[in-house]
Amino acid sequence: MERLYDYGIDLWSCPIEYLIERYDYLKELSNRDLNDYIELFLIGQHLENGKYMVTESCDDNHNIESMKQDIRRQVGMFFNQLVYQYVVEEIKIVELSYLRFLVQALSNFKFFDKISEAEFKLLANDLPVIFLLENKQITKKFSNILTDVILENPMNAEILIQTVHLNNQRKISIPDDLTPKKRDDMFSDYIQSSEANPNYIKDIFSAKFTPPVDEYTKLCAKRAYDEKIEEHFLANSNTSQEFGYIIGIKEMDTQEIKKISRKGSITEIMYNERILLEALDYPSILQNFIYIFDLVDHEFRFSGIELKEESSSLMRVFQEPSLGSILMVSFLKTSNQY
């Protein structure tokens, strides 16, 4: 039985039957590991936030409020009794998709208040730094350590660059010890890296940072960006790009509402017809437009309007006016199925 992977709390709702199924399975599991308790925590978050879909086939024998209380009790008992050594040893088996929720759970149950700076530094080596920066309390308490962790790898500059584009649903806190000078020095190292993304380099000199990036770093970024773009398109001037999307609805023998798969440059998005047909009441249909089809936001505003700060890397490149003379990209195939 698959874990609760694909239904991220911030993405879309999932069927209540699936949450019940996973809850029943974990409840009867005699020997749970850290992954099991993170999943139980995640199920509880879905129930607490009301982000689940109620269908006509919902089992009335389950009392949602009782489930929430039982999950609070089990999860609370487990995380409140966690010892540091257990977390350090068991974190290596945690699924990558669950690391963010592990940080949330540890923070909710005050685990980080009980450990020393040395212990946190060791633990931070096994956690993506961006998950730690998403927690304002952790960032403030361990500011100096997180600053050192960020500066160890110039590629972490991309995390700081992302902060100028992120919406309110995903906030990243910058450590107090990461001064503007340290930030700009890291930007300089990033600019010189062969792995640097041209679109992030462009942001260094064009995006609005607070406080602003120093002028010399911005000048270096502008020169590096122009060089990388010119090198790329001149080297690939005789090549073509092929990509496409296949979008459809079909009956699937799974509890997934939406399945996304990629074969080469072709992306296939399939919606589960069986689950969609189980919830045809007006509230569920309206919620589908928010949580499943991603057509509108929570205030029912159309999400297809492109904002400059949210434009894709591909569109940013195509909209760059200085590239008009060297862009030689042809789209041979765009596949659409509805």
C-alpha atoms as a PDB file:
ATOM      1  CA  MET A   1       0.000   0.000   0.000  1.00  0.00           C
ATOM      2  CA  GLU A   2       1.464   3.338  -1.050  1.00  0.00           C
ATOM      3  CA  ARG A   3       2.229   6.003   1.507  1.00  0.00           C
ATOM      4  CA  LEU A   4       0.655   9.432   1.539  1.00  0.00           C
ATOM      5  CA  TYR A   5       3.245  10.900  -0.827  1.00  0.00           C
ATOM      6  CA  ASP A   6       1.464  12.670  -3.627  1.00  0.00           C
ATOM      7  CA  TYR A   7      -1.067  14.672  -1.661  1.00  0.00           C
ATOM      8  CA  GLY A   8       1.052  17.525  -0.342  1.00  0.00           C
ATOM      9  CA  ILE A   9      -0.788  19.706   2.156  1.00  0.00           C
ATOM     10  CA  ASP A  10      -0.207  22.805   0.050  1.00  0.00           C
ATOM     11  CA  LEU A  11      -1.118  21.216  -3.288  1.00  0.00           C
ATOM     12  CA  TRP A  12      -4.575  19.669  -3.479  1.00  0.00           C
ATOM     13  CA  SER A  13      -7.087  17.718  -1.468  1.00  0.00           C
ATOM     14  CA  CYS A  14      -7.246  13.935  -1.485  1.00  0.00           C
ATOM     15  CA  PRO A  15     -10.168  11.531  -0.894  1.00  0.00           C
ATOM     16  CA  ILE A  16     -11.142  11.027   2.725  1.00  0.00           C
ATOM     17  CA  GLU A  17     -11.285   7.286   1.985  1.00  0.00           C
ATOM     18  CA  TYR A  18      -7.571   7.282   1.296  1.00  0.00           C
ATOM     19  CA  LEU A  19      -6.806   9.080   4.560  1.00  0.00           C
ATOM     20  CA  ILE A  20      -9.029   6.593   6.422  1.00  0.00           C
ATOM     21  CA  GLU A  21      -7.356   3.664   4.691  1.00  0.00           C
ATOM     22  CA  ARG A  22      -3.869   4.848   5.633  1.00  0.00           C
ATOM     23  CA  TYR A  23      -5.008   5.692   9.189  1.00  0.00           C
ATOM     24  CA  ASP A  24      -6.494   2.217   9.677  1.00  0.00           C
ATOM     25  CA  TYR A  25      -3.333   0.601   8.354  1.00  0.00           C
ATOM     26  CA  LEU A  26      -0.987   2.625  10.565  1.00  0.00           C
ATOM     27  CA  LYS A  27      -3.237   2.203  13.589  1.00  0.00           C
ATOM     28  CA  GLU A  28      -2.903  -1.586  13.413  1.00  0.00           C
ATOM     29  CA  LEU A  29       0.828  -1.502  12.685  1.00  0.00           C
ATOM     30  CA  SER A  30       2.620  -2.948  15.684  1.00  0.00           C
ATOM     31  CA  ASN A  31       6.167  -1.791  14.910  1.00  0.00           C
ATOM     32  CA  ARG A  32       6.130   1.735  13.515  1.00  0.00           C
ATOM     33  CA  ASP A  33       9.220   3.582  12.346  1.00  0.00           C
ATOM     34  CA  LEU A  34       9.820   7.308  11.959  1.00  0.00           C
ATOM     35  CA  ASN A  35       8.279   7.340   8.470  1.00  0.00           C
ATOM     36  CA  ASP A  36       5.046   5.890   9.878  1.00  0.00           C
ATOM     37  CA  TYR A  37       4.723   8.600  12.515  1.00  0.00           C
ATOM     38  CA  ILE A  38       5.490  11.345   9.988  1.00  0.00           C
ATOM     39  CA  GLU A  39       2.736   9.968   7.767  1.00  0.00           C
ATOM     40  CA  LEU A  40       0.362   9.856  10.723  1.00  0.00           C
ATOM     41  CA  PHE A  41       1.284  13.486  11.443  1.00  0.00           C
ATOM     42  CA  LEU A  42       0.617  14.359   7.795  1.00  0.00           C
ATOM     43  CA  ILE A  43      -2.795  12.643   7.837  1.00  0.00           C
ATOM     44  CA  GLY A  44      -3.618  14.654  10.937  1.00  0.00           C
ATOM     45  CA  GLN A  45      -2.637  17.879   9.150  1.00  0.00           C
ATOM     46  CA  HIS A  46      -4.996  17.046   6.281  1.00  0.00           C
ATOM     47  CA  LEU A  47      -7.842  16.392   8.709  1.00  0.00           C
ATOM     48  CA  GLU A  48      -7.146  19.473  10.834  1.00  0.00           C
ATOM     49  CA  ASN A  49      -7.001  21.743   7.766  1.00  0.00           C
ATOM     50  CA  GLY A  50     -10.070  20.182   6.161  1.00  0.00           C
ATOM     51  CA  LYS A  51      -8.134  19.507   2.977  1.00  0.00           C
ATOM     52  CA  TYR A  52      -9.761  16.294   1.893  1.00  0.00           C
ATOM     53  CA  MET A  53     -12.512  15.328  -0.515  1.00  0.00           C
ATOM     54  CA  VAL A  54     -15.679  13.703   0.790  1.00  0.00           C
ATOM     55  CA  THR A  55     -17.225  11.372  -1.800  1.00  0.00           C
ATOM     56  CA  GLU A  56     -20.532   9.529  -1.896  1.00  0.00           C
ATOM     57  CA  SER A  57     -18.841   6.253  -1.050  1.00  0.00           C
ATOM     58  CA  CYS A  58     -17.385   7.633   2.176  1.00  0.00           C
ATOM     59  CA  ASP A  59     -17.531   5.128   5.060  1.00  0.00           C
ATOM     60  CA  ASP A  60     -19.834   6.622   7.700  1.00  0.00           C
ATOM     61  CA  ASN A  61     -18.436   4.248  10.329  1.00  0.00           C
ATOM     62  CA  HIS A  62     -15.422   6.521  10.790  1.00  0.00           C
ATOM     63  CA  ASN A  63     -15.830   9.560  12.989  1.00  0.00           C
ATOM     64  CA  ILE A  64     -13.446  12.225  11.686  1.00  0.00           C
ATOM     65  CA  GLU A  65     -13.255  14.006  15.016  1.00  0.00           C
ATOM     66  CA  SER A  66     -12.342  10.763  16.772  1.00  0.00           C
ATOM     67  CA  MET A  67      -9.642  10.142  14.171  1.00  0.00           C
ATOM     68  CA  LYS A  68      -8.180  13.598  14.750  1.00  0.00           C
ATOM     69  CA  GLN A  69      -8.134  13.117  18.522  1.00  0.00           C
ATOM     70  CA  ASP A  70      -6.496   9.701  18.251  1.00  0.00           C
ATOM     71  CA  ILE A  71      -3.852  11.008  15.842  1.00  0.00           C
ATOM     72  CA  ARG A  72      -3.122  13.969  18.117  1.00  0.00           C
ATOM     73  CA  ARG A  73      -2.668  11.552  21.024  1.00  0.00           C
ATOM     74  CA  GLN A  74      -0.434   9.065  19.176  1.00  0.00           C
ATOM     75  CA  VAL A  75       1.675  11.647  17.360  1.00  0.00           C
ATOM     76  CA  GLY A  76       1.996  13.832  20.459  1.00  0.00           C
ATOM     77  CA  MET A  77       3.076  10.924  22.633  1.00  0.00           C
ATOM     78  CA  PHE A  78       5.698   9.859  20.098  1.00  0.00           C
ATOM     79  CA  PHE A  79       7.255  13.227  19.263  1.00  0.00           C
ATOM     80  CA  ASN A  80       7.172  14.496  22.832  1.00  0.00           C
ATOM     81  CA  GLN A  81       9.256  11.496  23.937  1.00  0.00           C
ATOM     82  CA  LEU A  82      11.782  11.634  21.093  1.00  0.00           C
ATOM     83  CA  VAL A  83      15.411  11.669  22.119  1.00  0.00           C
ATOM     84  CA  TYR A  84      18.117  13.279  20.019  1.00  0.00           C
ATOM     85  CA  GLN A  85      20.118  10.111  19.355  1.00  0.00           C
ATOM     86  CA  TYR A  86      17.054   8.336  17.940  1.00  0.00           C
ATOM     87  CA  VAL A  87      16.381  11.180  15.487  1.00  0.00           C
ATOM     88  CA  VAL A  88      20.009  11.298  14.325  1.00  0.00           C
ATOM     89  CA  GLU A  89      19.999   7.559  13.647  1.00  0.00           C
ATOM     90  CA  GLU A  90      16.518   7.230  12.141  1.00  0.00           C
ATOM     91  CA  ILE A  91      16.571  10.353   9.956  1.00  0.00           C
ATOM     92  CA  LYS A  92      18.660   8.433   7.424  1.00  0.00           C
ATOM     93  CA  ILE A  93      15.687   6.172   6.633  1.00  0.00           C
ATOM     94  CA  VAL A  94      13.161   8.993   6.247  1.00  0.00           C
ATOM     95  CA  GLU A  95      11.681   9.288   2.770  1.00  0.00           C
ATOM     96  CA  LEU A  96      12.809  12.414   0.933  1.00  0.00           C
ATOM     97  CA  SER A  97       9.183  13.512   0.483  1.00  0.00           C
ATOM     98  CA  TYR A  98       8.734  13.407   4.261  1.00  0.00           C
ATOM     99  CA  LEU A  99      11.736  15.453   5.377  1.00  0.00           C
ATOM    100  CA  ARG A 100       9.830  18.756   5.215  1.00  0.00           C
ATOM    101  CA  PHE A 101       7.037  17.317   7.359  1.00  0.00           C
ATOM    102  CA  LEU A 102       9.568  15.861   9.787  1.00  0.00           C
ATOM    103  CA  VAL A 103      10.925  19.374  10.371  1.00  0.00           C
ATOM    104  CA  GLN A 104       7.374  20.660  10.874  1.00  0.00           C
ATOM    105  CA  ALA A 105       6.566  17.919  13.375  1.00  0.00           C
ATOM    106  CA  LEU A 106       9.805  18.367  15.329  1.00  0.00           C
ATOM    107  CA  SER A 107       9.194  22.103  15.493  1.00  0.00           C
ATOM    108  CA  ASN A 108       5.544  21.706  16.556  1.00  0.00           C
ATOM    109  CA  PHE A 109       6.585  19.511  19.472  1.00  0.00           C
ATOM    110  CA  LYS A 110       9.461  21.791  20.581  1.00  0.00           C
ATOM    111  CA  PHE A 111      12.203  19.276  19.774  1.00  0.00           C
ATOM    112  CA  PHE A 112      14.607  22.002  18.637  1.00  0.00           C
ATOM    113  CA  ASP A 113      14.228  23.764  21.995  1.00  0.00           C
ATOM    114  CA  LYS A 114      15.775  20.743  23.719  1.00  0.00           C
ATOM    115  CA  ILE A 115      18.978  20.346  21.714  1.00  0.00           C
ATOM    116  CA  SER A 116      22.284  22.226  21.722  1.00  0.00           C
ATOM    117  CA  GLU A 117      23.840  24.124  18.842  1.00  0.00           C
ATOM    118  CA  ALA A 118      26.371  21.331  18.314  1.00  0.00           C
ATOM    119  CA  GLU A 119      23.587  18.756  18.112  1.00  0.00           C
ATOM    120  CA  PHE A 120      21.596  20.911  15.694  1.00  0.00           C
ATOM    121  CA  LYS A 121      24.639  21.346  13.445  1.00  0.00           C
ATOM    122  CA  LEU A 122      25.016  17.571  13.177  1.00  0.00           C
ATOM    123  CA  LEU A 123      21.319  17.143  12.474  1.00  0.00           C
ATOM    124  CA  ALA A 124      21.338  19.910   9.844  1.00  0.00           C
ATOM    125  CA  ASN A 125      23.784  17.878   7.747  1.00  0.00           C
ATOM    126  CA  ASP A 126      21.005  15.358   7.026  1.00  0.00           C
ATOM    127  CA  LEU A 127      18.268  17.891   6.261  1.00  0.00           C
ATOM    128  CA  PRO A 128      17.832  20.109   3.184  1.00  0.00           C
ATOM    129  CA  VAL A 129      18.622  23.583   4.456  1.00  0.00           C
ATOM    130  CA  ILE A 130      15.595  25.073   2.704  1.00  0.00           C
ATOM    131  CA  PHE A 131      13.251  23.042   4.958  1.00  0.00           C
ATOM    132  CA  LEU A 132      14.939  24.544   8.020  1.00  0.00           C
ATOM    133  CA  LEU A 133      14.749  28.069   6.608  1.00  0.00           C
ATOM    134  CA  GLU A 134      11.007  27.675   6.129  1.00  0.00           C
ATOM    135  CA  ASN A 135      10.689  27.679   9.912  1.00  0.00           C
ATOM    136  CA  LYS A 136      11.137  31.160  11.347  1.00  0.00           C
ATOM    137  CA  GLN A 137      11.754  29.959  14.918  1.00  0.00           C
ATOM    138  CA  ILE A 138      14.494  27.521  13.847  1.00  0.00           C
ATOM    139  CA  THR A 139      16.152  30.158  11.659  1.00  0.00           C
ATOM    140  CA  LYS A 140      16.221  32.660  14.519  1.00  0.00           C
ATOM    141  CA  LYS A 141      17.446  30.216  17.183  1.00  0.00           C
ATOM    142  CA  PHE A 142      20.252  28.730  15.053  1.00  0.00           C
ATOM    143  CA  SER A 143      21.063  31.741  12.880  1.00  0.00           C
ATOM    144  CA  ASN A 144      24.856  31.395  13.030  1.00  0.00           C
ATOM    145  CA  ILE A 145      24.830  27.674  12.239  1.00  0.00           C
ATOM    146  CA  LEU A 146      22.410  28.013   9.337  1.00  0.00           C
ATOM    147  CA  THR A 147      24.498  30.869   7.959  1.00  0.00           C
ATOM    148  CA  ASP A 148      27.558  28.607   7.957  1.00  0.00           C
ATOM    149  CA  VAL A 149      25.567  25.801   6.313  1.00  0.00           C
ATOM    150  CA  ILE A 150      24.335  28.130   3.556  1.00  0.00           C
ATOM    151  CA  LEU A 151      27.771  29.575   2.848  1.00  0.00           C
ATOM    152  CA  GLU A 152      29.377  26.131   2.578  1.00  0.00           C
ATOM    153  CA  ASN A 153      27.816  25.610  -0.853  1.00  0.00           C
ATOM    154  CA  PRO A 154      27.614  28.453  -3.426  1.00  0.00           C
ATOM    155  CA  MET A 155      24.618  26.708  -5.016  1.00  0.00           C
ATOM    156  CA  ASN A 156      22.609  27.677  -1.936  1.00  0.00           C
ATOM    157  CA  ALA A 157      22.562  31.148  -3.472  1.00  0.00           C
ATOM    158  CA  GLU A 158      19.574  29.877  -5.448  1.00  0.00           C
ATOM    159  CA  ILE A 159      17.593  29.567  -2.212  1.00  0.00           C
ATOM    160  CA  LEU A 160      18.224  33.228  -1.384  1.00  0.00           C
ATOM    161  CA  ILE A 161      17.388  34.264  -4.937  1.00  0.00           C
ATOM    162  CA  GLN A 162      14.081  32.396  -4.737  1.00  0.00           C
ATOM    163  CA  THR A 163      12.992  34.553  -1.803  1.00  0.00           C
ATOM    164  CA  VAL A 164      12.254  37.482  -4.118  1.00  0.00           C
ATOM    165  CA  HIS A 165       9.708  35.397  -6.059  1.00  0.00           C
ATOM    166  CA  LEU A 166       8.015  33.257  -3.415  1.00  0.00           C
ATOM    167  CA  ASN A 167       4.388  33.944  -2.544  1.00  0.00           C
ATOM    168  CA  ASN A 168       2.871  33.957   0.931  1.00  0.00           C
ATOM    169  CA  GLN A 169       2.295  30.193   0.904  1.00  0.00           C
ATOM    170  CA  ARG A 170       5.992  29.447   1.255  1.00  0.00           C
ATOM    171  CA  LYS A 171       8.075  31.860   3.265  1.00  0.00           C
ATOM    172  CA  ILE A 172      11.825  31.496   3.658  1.00  0.00           C
ATOM    173  CA  SER A 173      13.496  33.221   6.581  1.00  0.00           C
ATOM    174  CA  ILE A 174      16.985  34.642   6.146  1.00  0.00           C
ATOM    175  CA  PRO A 175      19.297  34.111   9.168  1.00  0.00           C
ATOM    176  CA  ASP A 176      20.247  37.338  10.949  1.00  0.00           C
ATOM    177  CA  ASP A 177      23.930  36.361  10.750  1.00  0.00           C
ATOM    178  CA  LEU A 178      23.777  36.221   6.951  1.00  0.00           C
ATOM    179  CA  THR A 179      24.728  39.849   6.334  1.00  0.00           C
ATOM    180  CA  PRO A 180      24.276  41.555   2.933  1.00  0.00           C
ATOM    181  CA  LYS A 181      28.052  41.370   2.395  1.00  0.00           C
ATOM    182  CA  LYS A 182      28.125  37.611   3.042  1.00  0.00           C
ATOM    183  CA  ARG A 183      25.132  37.206   0.738  1.00  0.00           C
ATOM    184  CA  ASP A 184      26.759  39.205  -2.070  1.00  0.00           C
ATOM    185  CA  ASP A 185      30.051  37.325  -1.663  1.00  0.00           C
ATOM    186  CA  MET A 186      28.137  34.080  -2.101  1.00  0.00           C
ATOM    187  CA  PHE A 187      26.402  35.528  -5.165  1.00  0.00           C
ATOM    188  CA  SER A 188      29.856  36.276  -6.608  1.00  0.00           C
ATOM    189  CA  ASP A 189      30.950  32.673  -6.015  1.00  0.00           C
ATOM    190  CA  TYR A 190      27.720  31.436  -7.581  1.00  0.00           C
ATOM    191  CA  ILE A 191      28.184  33.600 -10.680  1.00  0.00           C
ATOM    192  CA  GLN A 192      31.583  32.021 -11.282  1.00  0.00           C
ATOM    193  CA  SER A 193      30.297  28.470 -10.892  1.00  0.00           C
ATOM    194  CA  SER A 194      29.959  26.339 -14.017  1.00  0.00           C
ATOM    195  CA  GLU A 195      26.707  24.965 -12.562  1.00  0.00           C
ATOM    196  CA  ALA A 196      25.066  28.374 -12.186  1.00  0.00           C
ATOM    197  CA  ASN A 197      21.639  28.765 -13.778  1.00  0.00           C
ATOM    198  CA  PRO A 198      21.486  31.797 -16.149  1.00  0.00           C
ATOM    199  CA  ASN A 199      18.001  32.677 -14.933  1.00  0.00           C
ATOM    200  CA  TYR A 200      19.183  32.903 -11.336  1.00  0.00           C
ATOM    201  CA  ILE A 201      22.183  34.951 -12.448  1.00  0.00           C
ATOM    202  CA  LYS A 202      19.769  37.327 -14.163  1.00  0.00           C
ATOM    203  CA  ASP A 203      17.803  37.702 -10.941  1.00  0.00           C
ATOM    204  CA  ILE A 204      20.947  38.800  -9.103  1.00  0.00           C
ATOM    205  CA  PHE A 205      21.184  41.965 -11.200  1.00  0.00           C
ATOM    206  CA  SER A 206      17.509  42.504 -12.064  1.00  0.00           C
ATOM    207  CA  ALA A 207      15.422  41.418  -9.052  1.00  0.00           C
ATOM    208  CA  LYS A 208      14.678  43.685  -6.102  1.00  0.00           C
ATOM    209  CA  PHE A 209      16.501  42.410  -3.027  1.00  0.00           C
ATOM    210  CA  THR A 210      16.252  43.920   0.437  1.00  0.00           C
ATOM    211  CA  PRO A 211      18.796  45.303   1.056  1.00  0.00           C
ATOM    212  CA  PRO A 212      19.902  45.765  -2.594  1.00  0.00           C
ATOM    213  CA  VAL A 213      22.768  43.781  -4.100  1.00  0.00           C
ATOM    214  CA  ASP A 214      25.924  45.894  -4.436  1.00  0.00           C
ATOM    215  CA  GLU A 215      26.524  47.396  -7.873  1.00  0.00           C
ATOM    216  CA  TYR A 216      29.771  45.561  -8.606  1.00  0.00           C
ATOM    217  CA  THR A 217      28.144  42.158  -7.991  1.00  0.00           C
ATOM    218  CA  LYS A 218      25.227  43.153 -10.210  1.00  0.00           C
ATOM    219  CA  LEU A 219      27.630  44.205 -12.976  1.00  0.00           C
ATOM    220  CA  CYS A 220      29.454  40.861 -12.764  1.00  0.00           C
ATOM    221  CA  ALA A 221      26.131  39.032 -12.870  1.00  0.00           C
ATOM    222  CA  LYS A 222      25.010  40.952 -15.967  1.00  0.00           C
ATOM    223  CA  ARG A 223      28.233  40.141 -17.813  1.00  0.00           C
ATOM    224  CA  ALA A 224      28.120  36.464 -16.801  1.00  0.00           C
ATOM    225  CA  TYR A 225      24.479  36.195 -17.861  1.00  0.00           C
ATOM    226  CA  ASP A 226      25.121  37.685 -21.304  1.00  0.00           C
ATOM    227  CA  GLU A 227      28.078  35.369 -21.847  1.00  0.00           C
ATOM    228  CA  LYS A 228      26.206  32.215 -20.810  1.00  0.00           C
ATOM    229  CA  ILE A 229      23.155  33.010 -22.934  1.00  0.00           C
ATOM    230  CA  GLU A 230      25.214  33.836 -25.995  1.00  0.00           C
ATOM    231  CA  GLU A 231      27.345  30.709 -25.596  1.00  0.00           C
ATOM    232  CA  HIS A 232      24.296  28.500 -25.177  1.00  0.00           C
ATOM    233  CA  PHE A 233      22.311  29.714 -28.160  1.00  0.00           C
ATOM    234  CA  LEU A 234      25.267  29.998 -30.504  1.00  0.00           C
ATOM    235  CA  ALA A 235      26.303  26.450 -29.608  1.00  0.00           C
ATOM    236  CA  ASN A 236      22.788  25.163 -30.201  1.00  0.00           C
ATOM    237  CA  SER A 237      21.697  27.382 -33.076  1.00  0.00           C
ATOM    238  CA  ASN A 238      21.131  24.416 -35.407  1.00  0.00           C
ATOM    239  CA  THR A 239      19.269  22.219 -32.955  1.00  0.00           C
ATOM    240  CA  SER A 240      15.570  21.992 -32.297  1.00  0.00           C
ATOM    241  CA  GLN A 241      13.546  21.464 -29.171  1.00  0.00           C
ATOM    242  CA  GLU A 242      10.656  19.059 -28.840  1.00  0.00           C
ATOM    243  CA  PHE A 243       8.210  18.982 -25.981  1.00  0.00           C
ATOM    244  CA  GLY A 244       4.556  18.330 -25.409  1.00  0.00           C
ATOM    245  CA  TYR A 245       1.723  17.646 -22.995  1.00  0.00           C
ATOM    246  CA  ILE A 246      -0.865  14.905 -22.909  1.00  0.00           C
ATOM    247  CA  ILE A 247      -3.819  15.733 -20.682  1.00  0.00           C
ATOM    248  CA  GLY A 248      -6.711  13.337 -20.201  1.00  0.00           C
ATOM    249  CA  ILE A 249      -9.248  11.694 -17.911  1.00  0.00           C
ATOM    250  CA  LYS A 250      -9.422   7.940 -17.460  1.00  0.00           C
ATOM    251  CA  GLU A 251     -10.449   5.397 -14.852  1.00  0.00           C
ATOM    252  CA  MET A 252      -7.489   4.330 -12.741  1.00  0.00           C
ATOM    253  CA  ASP A 253      -7.276   1.530 -10.184  1.00  0.00           C
ATOM    254  CA  THR A 254      -5.699   3.747  -7.566  1.00  0.00           C
ATOM    255  CA  GLN A 255      -6.622   6.332  -4.935  1.00  0.00           C
ATOM    256  CA  GLU A 256      -4.646   9.022  -6.731  1.00  0.00           C
ATOM    257  CA  ILE A 257      -6.723  11.856  -8.157  1.00  0.00           C
ATOM    258  CA  LYS A 258      -4.046  13.163 -10.472  1.00  0.00           C
ATOM    259  CA  LYS A 259      -1.096  11.272 -11.889  1.00  0.00           C
ATOM    260  CA  ILE A 260       1.787  13.072 -13.577  1.00  0.00           C
ATOM    261  CA  SER A 261       4.399  11.165 -15.540  1.00  0.00           C
ATOM    262  CA  ARG A 262       7.170  12.211 -17.900  1.00  0.00           C
ATOM    263  CA  LYS A 263       8.622  10.339 -20.850  1.00  0.00           C
ATOM    264  CA  GLY A 264      11.529  12.305 -22.181  1.00  0.00           C
ATOM    265  CA  SER A 265      10.217  15.782 -22.997  1.00  0.00           C
ATOM    266  CA  ILE A 266       6.560  14.691 -22.996  1.00  0.00           C
ATOM    267  CA  THR A 267       4.546  15.302 -19.822  1.00  0.00           C
ATOM    268  CA  GLU A 268       1.371  13.299 -19.278  1.00  0.00           C
ATOM    269  CA  ILE A 269      -1.264  14.474 -16.799  1.00  0.00           C
ATOM    270  CA  MET A 270      -4.114  12.074 -16.144  1.00  0.00           C
ATOM    271  CA  TYR A 271      -7.109  12.614 -13.847  1.00  0.00           C
ATOM    272  CA  ASN A 272      -8.872   9.690 -12.182  1.00  0.00           C
ATOM    273  CA  GLU A 273     -12.352   9.525 -13.698  1.00  0.00           C
ATOM    274  CA  ARG A 274     -13.633   7.123 -11.049  1.00  0.00           C
ATOM    275  CA  ILE A 275     -12.846   9.456  -8.148  1.00  0.00           C
ATOM    276  CA  LEU A 276     -14.110  12.543  -9.970  1.00  0.00           C
ATOM    277  CA  LEU A 277     -17.460  10.850 -10.645  1.00  0.00           C
ATOM    278  CA  GLU A 278     -17.818   9.933  -6.976  1.00  0.00           C
ATOM    279  CA  ALA A 279     -18.110  13.595  -5.993  1.00  0.00           C
ATOM    280  CA  LEU A 280     -20.479  15.445  -8.315  1.00  0.00           C
ATOM    281  CA  ASP A 281     -22.073  17.739  -5.749  1.00  0.00           C
ATOM    282  CA  TYR A 282     -21.507  21.421  -6.426  1.00  0.00           C
ATOM    283  CA  PRO A 283     -19.111  22.105  -3.488  1.00  0.00           C
ATOM    284  CA  SER A 284     -16.828  19.238  -4.545  1.00  0.00           C
ATOM    285  CA  ILE A 285     -16.863  20.309  -8.187  1.00  0.00           C
ATOM    286  CA  LEU A 286     -15.917  23.844  -7.196  1.00  0.00           C
ATOM    287  CA  GLN A 287     -13.123  22.550  -4.955  1.00  0.00           C
ATOM    288  CA  ASN A 288     -11.782  20.516  -7.878  1.00  0.00           C
ATOM    289  CA  PHE A 289     -11.059  23.745  -9.743  1.00  0.00           C
ATOM    290  CA  ILE A 290      -8.893  24.863  -6.797  1.00  0.00           C
ATOM    291  CA  TYR A 291      -7.159  21.734  -5.537  1.00  0.00           C
ATOM    292  CA  ILE A 292      -7.067  19.367  -8.519  1.00  0.00           C
ATOM    293  CA  PHE A 293      -7.187  21.308 -11.786  1.00  0.00           C
ATOM    294  CA  ASP A 294      -5.308  24.343 -10.393  1.00  0.00           C
ATOM    295  CA  LEU A 295      -7.435  26.669 -12.521  1.00  0.00           C
ATOM    296  CA  VAL A 296      -8.345  29.138  -9.763  1.00  0.00           C
ATOM    297  CA  ASP A 297      -6.928  30.160  -6.406  1.00  0.00           C
ATOM    298  CA  HIS A 298      -8.652  30.023  -3.008  1.00  0.00           C
ATOM    299  CA  GLU A 299     -10.565  33.216  -3.826  1.00  0.00           C
ATOM    300  CA  PHE A 300     -11.630  31.781  -7.188  1.00  0.00           C
ATOM    301  CA  ARG A 301      -9.416  34.090  -9.217  1.00  0.00           C
ATOM    302  CA  PHE A 302      -8.187  32.618 -12.483  1.00  0.00           C
ATOM    303  CA  SER A 303      -4.647  31.302 -11.990  1.00  0.00           C
ATOM    304  CA  GLY A 304      -3.683  31.417 -15.666  1.00  0.00           C
ATOM    305  CA  ILE A 305      -2.775  35.102 -15.594  1.00  0.00           C
ATOM    306  CA  GLU A 306       0.984  35.333 -15.922  1.00  0.00           C
ATOM    307  CA  LEU A 307       2.793  37.575 -13.493  1.00  0.00           C
ATOM    308  CA  LYS A 308       6.286  38.708 -14.369  1.00  0.00           C
ATOM    309  CA  GLU A 309       7.710  37.480 -11.081  1.00  0.00           C
ATOM    310  CA  GLU A 310       6.134  34.055 -11.609  1.00  0.00           C
ATOM    311  CA  SER A 311       7.098  33.529 -15.245  1.00  0.00           C
ATOM    312  CA  SER A 312       8.881  30.330 -16.136  1.00  0.00           C
ATOM    313  CA  SER A 313      12.568  30.132 -16.918  1.00  0.00           C
ATOM    314  CA  LEU A 314      11.723  29.220 -20.526  1.00  0.00           C
ATOM    315  CA  MET A 315       9.451  32.233 -21.000  1.00  0.00           C
ATOM    316  CA  ARG A 316      12.028  34.544 -19.430  1.00  0.00           C
ATOM    317  CA  VAL A 317      14.581  33.443 -21.995  1.00  0.00           C
ATOM    318  CA  PHE A 318      12.162  33.858 -24.926  1.00  0.00           C
ATOM    319  CA  GLN A 319      11.077  37.297 -23.721  1.00  0.00           C
ATOM    320  CA  GLU A 320      14.635  38.618 -23.456  1.00  0.00           C
ATOM    321  CA  PRO A 321      14.813  41.306 -26.214  1.00  0.00           C
ATOM    322  CA  SER A 322      18.592  41.110 -26.643  1.00  0.00           C
ATOM    323  CA  LEU A 323      18.343  37.547 -27.868  1.00  0.00           C
ATOM    324  CA  GLY A 324      16.266  38.311 -30.956  1.00  0.00           C
ATOM    325  CA  SER A 325      19.151  37.980 -33.354  1.00  0.00           C
ATOM    326  CA  ILE A 326      20.404  34.635 -32.103  1.00  0.00           C
ATOM    327  CA  LEU A 327      17.253  32.714 -31.114  1.00  0.00           C
ATOM    328  CA  MET A 328      16.917  29.843 -33.557  1.00  0.00           C
ATOM    329  CA  VAL A 329      14.635  27.425 -31.755  1.00  0.00           C
ATOM    330  CA  SER A 330      11.825  25.637 -33.535  1.00  0.00           C
ATOM    331  CA  PHE A 331       9.076  23.665 -31.891  1.00  0.00           C
ATOM    332  CA  LEU A 332       8.537  20.558 -33.983  1.00  0.00           C
ATOM    333  CA  LYS A 333       5.805  19.007 -31.960  1.00  0.00           C
ATOM    334  CA  THR A 334       3.321  20.015 -29.308  1.00  0.00           C
ATOM    335  CA  SER A 335       1.008  17.211 -28.319  1.00  0.00           C
ATOM    336  CA  ASN A 336      -2.314  17.958 -26.610  1.00  0.00           C
ATOM    337  CA  GLN A 337      -5.055  15.506 -25.744  1.00  0.00           C
ATOM    338  CA  TYR A 338      -8.210  16.522 -23.963  1.00  0.00           C
END
